[in-house]
Amino acid sequence: MRSAQNTGSRGVFGDMASLLKHLPHHQEPTALILLKGHLLVEELLRGYIDRKLPNPTAFKHDQFLFAKILMLCRALTPPNVKSWAFDAAKKLNDVRNEIAHELDSPKVKSKLENFISLVEQHAKKSVFPPKERGEARLYMAISDLHNELVHVLHAKES
């Protein structure tokens, strides 16, 4: 796993071109889109931690799993910043974990639908493809989650 420091802060924070460059095309297999999307979200979260910590070199990223990184990011985010992004990132991680532990798990489809539905419900500016275009819906959900996280992680405390 790459640390967020190696990806460059511009590539991690808000560079949609970087997201599009690394996220597989929506016609790729679901598992590939899911795994790459999860990694991109994870790098975004790790980059946020690096930005927030006074001494980020003392924080060893590789000792923390995604769930702990997500929890730390939520804790570092001002309490007045409300967003669906953290819940969606948790659901994305749930699907990724299901695939990582059992590739043909019967739970993958419902967990994937839970993630995509949550994003569709909250990402009001997006137009999602129909349900039968699963990979395209997943691609859109990951893109919208990434965009929401960029917005949330740059929010100022008021």
C-alpha atoms as a PDB file:
ATOM      1  CA  MET A   1       0.000   0.000   0.000  1.00  0.00           C
ATOM      2  CA  ARG A   2       1.312   3.426  -0.879  1.00  0.00           C
ATOM      3  CA  SER A   3       1.323   6.096   1.744  1.00  0.00           C
ATOM      4  CA  ALA A   4      -0.530   9.280   0.985  1.00  0.00           C
ATOM      5  CA  GLN A   5       2.757  11.159   1.102  1.00  0.00           C
ATOM      6  CA  ASN A   6       4.007   9.271  -1.952  1.00  0.00           C
ATOM      7  CA  THR A   7       1.027  10.208  -4.081  1.00  0.00           C
ATOM      8  CA  GLY A   8       1.473  13.954  -3.733  1.00  0.00           C
ATOM      9  CA  SER A   9      -1.050  16.137  -1.996  1.00  0.00           C
ATOM     10  CA  ARG A  10      -2.537  17.520  -5.217  1.00  0.00           C
ATOM     11  CA  GLY A  11      -3.212  14.021  -6.572  1.00  0.00           C
ATOM     12  CA  VAL A  12      -4.886  12.969  -3.367  1.00  0.00           C
ATOM     13  CA  PHE A  13      -6.859  16.115  -2.651  1.00  0.00           C
ATOM     14  CA  GLY A  14      -9.352  17.113  -5.238  1.00  0.00           C
ATOM     15  CA  ASP A  15      -7.640  16.253  -8.474  1.00  0.00           C
ATOM     16  CA  MET A  16     -10.491  14.633 -10.390  1.00  0.00           C
ATOM     17  CA  ALA A  17      -8.106  13.833 -13.230  1.00  0.00           C
ATOM     18  CA  SER A  18      -6.078  11.673 -10.849  1.00  0.00           C
ATOM     19  CA  LEU A  19      -9.211   9.823  -9.754  1.00  0.00           C
ATOM     20  CA  LEU A  20     -10.237   9.198 -13.348  1.00  0.00           C
ATOM     21  CA  LYS A  21      -6.708   8.113 -14.258  1.00  0.00           C
ATOM     22  CA  HIS A  22      -6.523   5.461 -11.533  1.00  0.00           C
ATOM     23  CA  LEU A  23     -10.130   4.293 -11.309  1.00  0.00           C
ATOM     24  CA  PRO A  24     -10.726   1.543 -13.885  1.00  0.00           C
ATOM     25  CA  HIS A  25     -13.188   2.190 -16.701  1.00  0.00           C
ATOM     26  CA  HIS A  26     -16.808   1.480 -15.808  1.00  0.00           C
ATOM     27  CA  GLN A  27     -16.773  -1.470 -18.227  1.00  0.00           C
ATOM     28  CA  GLU A  28     -14.147  -3.291 -16.163  1.00  0.00           C
ATOM     29  CA  PRO A  29     -15.164  -6.059 -13.734  1.00  0.00           C
ATOM     30  CA  THR A  30     -16.927  -4.959 -10.567  1.00  0.00           C
ATOM     31  CA  ALA A  31     -14.235  -6.403  -8.283  1.00  0.00           C
ATOM     32  CA  LEU A  32     -11.496  -4.368 -10.000  1.00  0.00           C
ATOM     33  CA  ILE A  33     -13.487  -1.119  -9.805  1.00  0.00           C
ATOM     34  CA  LEU A  34     -14.309  -1.818  -6.166  1.00  0.00           C
ATOM     35  CA  LEU A  35     -10.734  -2.622  -5.128  1.00  0.00           C
ATOM     36  CA  LYS A  36      -9.176   0.321  -6.963  1.00  0.00           C
ATOM     37  CA  GLY A  37     -11.895   2.680  -5.746  1.00  0.00           C
ATOM     38  CA  HIS A  38     -11.361   1.512  -2.179  1.00  0.00           C
ATOM     39  CA  LEU A  39      -7.630   2.168  -2.509  1.00  0.00           C
ATOM     40  CA  LEU A  40      -8.220   5.673  -3.886  1.00  0.00           C
ATOM     41  CA  VAL A  41     -10.582   6.506  -1.031  1.00  0.00           C
ATOM     42  CA  GLU A  42      -8.080   5.104   1.456  1.00  0.00           C
ATOM     43  CA  GLU A  43      -5.292   7.266   0.024  1.00  0.00           C
ATOM     44  CA  LEU A  44      -7.546  10.296   0.263  1.00  0.00           C
ATOM     45  CA  LEU A  45      -8.207   9.563   3.947  1.00  0.00           C
ATOM     46  CA  ARG A  46      -4.532   8.954   4.714  1.00  0.00           C
ATOM     47  CA  GLY A  47      -3.615  12.215   2.997  1.00  0.00           C
ATOM     48  CA  TYR A  48      -6.130  14.041   5.168  1.00  0.00           C
ATOM     49  CA  ILE A  49      -4.508  12.631   8.295  1.00  0.00           C
ATOM     50  CA  ASP A  50      -1.104  13.762   7.044  1.00  0.00           C
ATOM     51  CA  ARG A  51      -2.474  17.269   6.564  1.00  0.00           C
ATOM     52  CA  LYS A  52      -4.091  17.441   9.989  1.00  0.00           C
ATOM     53  CA  LEU A  53      -1.240  16.072  12.097  1.00  0.00           C
ATOM     54  CA  PRO A  54       1.487  18.473  13.273  1.00  0.00           C
ATOM     55  CA  ASN A  55       4.088  15.709  12.790  1.00  0.00           C
ATOM     56  CA  PRO A  56       2.758  13.266  10.178  1.00  0.00           C
ATOM     57  CA  THR A  57       6.080  11.436   9.784  1.00  0.00           C
ATOM     58  CA  ALA A  58       5.596  10.038  13.304  1.00  0.00           C
ATOM     59  CA  PHE A  59       2.306   8.423  12.268  1.00  0.00           C
ATOM     60  CA  LYS A  60       2.808   4.991  10.724  1.00  0.00           C
ATOM     61  CA  HIS A  61      -0.023   4.538   8.226  1.00  0.00           C
ATOM     62  CA  ASP A  62       0.626   0.902   7.496  1.00  0.00           C
ATOM     63  CA  GLN A  63      -0.151  -0.044  11.113  1.00  0.00           C
ATOM     64  CA  PHE A  64      -3.803   0.998  10.701  1.00  0.00           C
ATOM     65  CA  LEU A  65      -6.484  -0.692   8.651  1.00  0.00           C
ATOM     66  CA  PHE A  66      -9.022   1.268   6.624  1.00  0.00           C
ATOM     67  CA  ALA A  67     -11.655   1.142   9.391  1.00  0.00           C
ATOM     68  CA  LYS A  68      -9.307   2.765  11.907  1.00  0.00           C
ATOM     69  CA  ILE A  69      -8.155   5.371   9.384  1.00  0.00           C
ATOM     70  CA  LEU A  70     -11.795   6.200   8.652  1.00  0.00           C
ATOM     71  CA  MET A  71     -12.547   6.508  12.365  1.00  0.00           C
ATOM     72  CA  LEU A  72      -9.570   8.818  12.859  1.00  0.00           C
ATOM     73  CA  CYS A  73     -10.636  11.001   9.915  1.00  0.00           C
ATOM     74  CA  ARG A  74     -14.144  11.266  11.330  1.00  0.00           C
ATOM     75  CA  ALA A  75     -12.650  12.287  14.695  1.00  0.00           C
ATOM     76  CA  LEU A  76     -10.392  14.897  13.036  1.00  0.00           C
ATOM     77  CA  THR A  77     -13.305  16.410  11.115  1.00  0.00           C
ATOM     78  CA  PRO A  78     -15.011  19.379  12.779  1.00  0.00           C
ATOM     79  CA  PRO A  79     -18.278  18.309  14.447  1.00  0.00           C
ATOM     80  CA  ASN A  80     -20.273  20.911  12.531  1.00  0.00           C
ATOM     81  CA  VAL A  81     -19.374  19.232   9.212  1.00  0.00           C
ATOM     82  CA  LYS A  82     -22.205  16.836   8.424  1.00  0.00           C
ATOM     83  CA  SER A  83     -21.886  14.403   5.554  1.00  0.00           C
ATOM     84  CA  TRP A  84     -22.931  11.000   4.334  1.00  0.00           C
ATOM     85  CA  ALA A  85     -19.376  10.319   3.125  1.00  0.00           C
ATOM     86  CA  PHE A  86     -18.088   8.557   6.231  1.00  0.00           C
ATOM     87  CA  ASP A  87     -21.067   6.170   6.290  1.00  0.00           C
ATOM     88  CA  ALA A  88     -20.638   5.471   2.582  1.00  0.00           C
ATOM     89  CA  ALA A  89     -16.891   4.869   3.001  1.00  0.00           C
ATOM     90  CA  LYS A  90     -17.682   2.360   5.759  1.00  0.00           C
ATOM     91  CA  LYS A  91     -20.101   0.543   3.439  1.00  0.00           C
ATOM     92  CA  LEU A  92     -17.482   0.550   0.669  1.00  0.00           C
ATOM     93  CA  ASN A  93     -15.036  -1.010   3.116  1.00  0.00           C
ATOM     94  CA  ASP A  94     -17.630  -3.620   4.127  1.00  0.00           C
ATOM     95  CA  VAL A  95     -17.961  -4.727   0.493  1.00  0.00           C
ATOM     96  CA  ARG A  96     -14.205  -4.731  -0.008  1.00  0.00           C
ATOM     97  CA  ASN A  97     -13.728  -6.863   3.103  1.00  0.00           C
ATOM     98  CA  GLU A  98     -16.381  -9.304   1.952  1.00  0.00           C
ATOM     99  CA  ILE A  99     -14.598  -9.796  -1.387  1.00  0.00           C
ATOM    100  CA  ALA A 100     -11.195 -10.004   0.308  1.00  0.00           C
ATOM    101  CA  HIS A 101     -12.333 -12.802   2.602  1.00  0.00           C
ATOM    102  CA  GLU A 102     -14.604 -14.726   0.240  1.00  0.00           C
ATOM    103  CA  LEU A 103     -14.541 -13.905  -3.476  1.00  0.00           C
ATOM    104  CA  ASP A 104     -17.828 -15.650  -4.261  1.00  0.00           C
ATOM    105  CA  SER A 105     -19.618 -14.555  -1.104  1.00  0.00           C
ATOM    106  CA  PRO A 106     -23.393 -14.433  -1.420  1.00  0.00           C
ATOM    107  CA  LYS A 107     -23.334 -11.230   0.664  1.00  0.00           C
ATOM    108  CA  VAL A 108     -21.336  -9.184  -1.871  1.00  0.00           C
ATOM    109  CA  LYS A 109     -24.285  -8.261  -4.057  1.00  0.00           C
ATOM    110  CA  SER A 110     -26.423  -6.915  -1.194  1.00  0.00           C
ATOM    111  CA  LYS A 111     -23.502  -5.078   0.443  1.00  0.00           C
ATOM    112  CA  LEU A 112     -22.599  -3.534  -2.904  1.00  0.00           C
ATOM    113  CA  GLU A 113     -26.197  -2.446  -3.413  1.00  0.00           C
ATOM    114  CA  ASN A 114     -26.261  -0.939   0.105  1.00  0.00           C
ATOM    115  CA  PHE A 115     -23.181   1.139  -0.706  1.00  0.00           C
ATOM    116  CA  ILE A 116     -24.407   2.309  -4.106  1.00  0.00           C
ATOM    117  CA  SER A 117     -27.926   3.062  -2.822  1.00  0.00           C
ATOM    118  CA  LEU A 118     -26.567   5.195   0.020  1.00  0.00           C
ATOM    119  CA  VAL A 119     -24.502   7.267  -2.398  1.00  0.00           C
ATOM    120  CA  GLU A 120     -27.377   7.550  -4.900  1.00  0.00           C
ATOM    121  CA  GLN A 121     -29.655   8.721  -2.125  1.00  0.00           C
ATOM    122  CA  HIS A 122     -27.315  11.557  -1.120  1.00  0.00           C
ATOM    123  CA  ALA A 123     -25.412  12.552  -4.272  1.00  0.00           C
ATOM    124  CA  LYS A 124     -28.155  14.758  -5.663  1.00  0.00           C
ATOM    125  CA  LYS A 125     -26.077  16.321  -8.454  1.00  0.00           C
ATOM    126  CA  SER A 126     -25.324  12.992 -10.156  1.00  0.00           C
ATOM    127  CA  VAL A 127     -27.310  11.046 -12.680  1.00  0.00           C
ATOM    128  CA  PHE A 128     -26.900   7.345 -12.004  1.00  0.00           C
ATOM    129  CA  PRO A 129     -27.273   4.705 -14.695  1.00  0.00           C
ATOM    130  CA  PRO A 130     -30.052   2.106 -14.356  1.00  0.00           C
ATOM    131  CA  LYS A 131     -29.572  -0.808 -11.947  1.00  0.00           C
ATOM    132  CA  GLU A 132     -28.771  -3.278 -14.715  1.00  0.00           C
ATOM    133  CA  ARG A 133     -25.576  -1.312 -15.398  1.00  0.00           C
ATOM    134  CA  GLY A 134     -23.963  -2.379 -12.132  1.00  0.00           C
ATOM    135  CA  GLU A 135     -20.353  -1.524 -12.958  1.00  0.00           C
ATOM    136  CA  ALA A 136     -21.309   1.935 -14.209  1.00  0.00           C
ATOM    137  CA  ARG A 137     -23.350   2.561 -11.031  1.00  0.00           C
ATOM    138  CA  LEU A 138     -20.411   1.453  -8.882  1.00  0.00           C
ATOM    139  CA  TYR A 139     -18.051   3.704 -10.849  1.00  0.00           C
ATOM    140  CA  MET A 140     -20.390   6.665 -10.338  1.00  0.00           C
ATOM    141  CA  ALA A 141     -20.839   5.883  -6.631  1.00  0.00           C
ATOM    142  CA  ILE A 142     -17.093   5.756  -6.011  1.00  0.00           C
ATOM    143  CA  SER A 143     -16.588   9.001  -7.954  1.00  0.00           C
ATOM    144  CA  ASP A 144     -19.309  10.742  -5.962  1.00  0.00           C
ATOM    145  CA  LEU A 145     -17.969   9.395  -2.670  1.00  0.00           C
ATOM    146  CA  HIS A 146     -14.507  10.658  -3.581  1.00  0.00           C
ATOM    147  CA  ASN A 147     -15.874  14.102  -4.465  1.00  0.00           C
ATOM    148  CA  GLU A 148     -17.883  14.299  -1.239  1.00  0.00           C
ATOM    149  CA  LEU A 149     -14.867  13.283   0.823  1.00  0.00           C
ATOM    150  CA  VAL A 150     -12.745  15.956  -0.852  1.00  0.00           C
ATOM    151  CA  HIS A 151     -15.414  18.502   0.048  1.00  0.00           C
ATOM    152  CA  VAL A 152     -15.729  17.273   3.652  1.00  0.00           C
ATOM    153  CA  LEU A 153     -12.015  16.930   4.274  1.00  0.00           C
ATOM    154  CA  HIS A 154     -11.453  20.510   3.147  1.00  0.00           C
ATOM    155  CA  ALA A 155     -14.301  21.962   5.190  1.00  0.00           C
ATOM    156  CA  LYS A 156     -13.375  24.650   7.675  1.00  0.00           C
ATOM    157  CA  GLU A 157     -14.611  24.727  11.216  1.00  0.00           C
ATOM    158  CA  SER A 158     -17.121  27.525  11.632  1.00  0.00           C
END
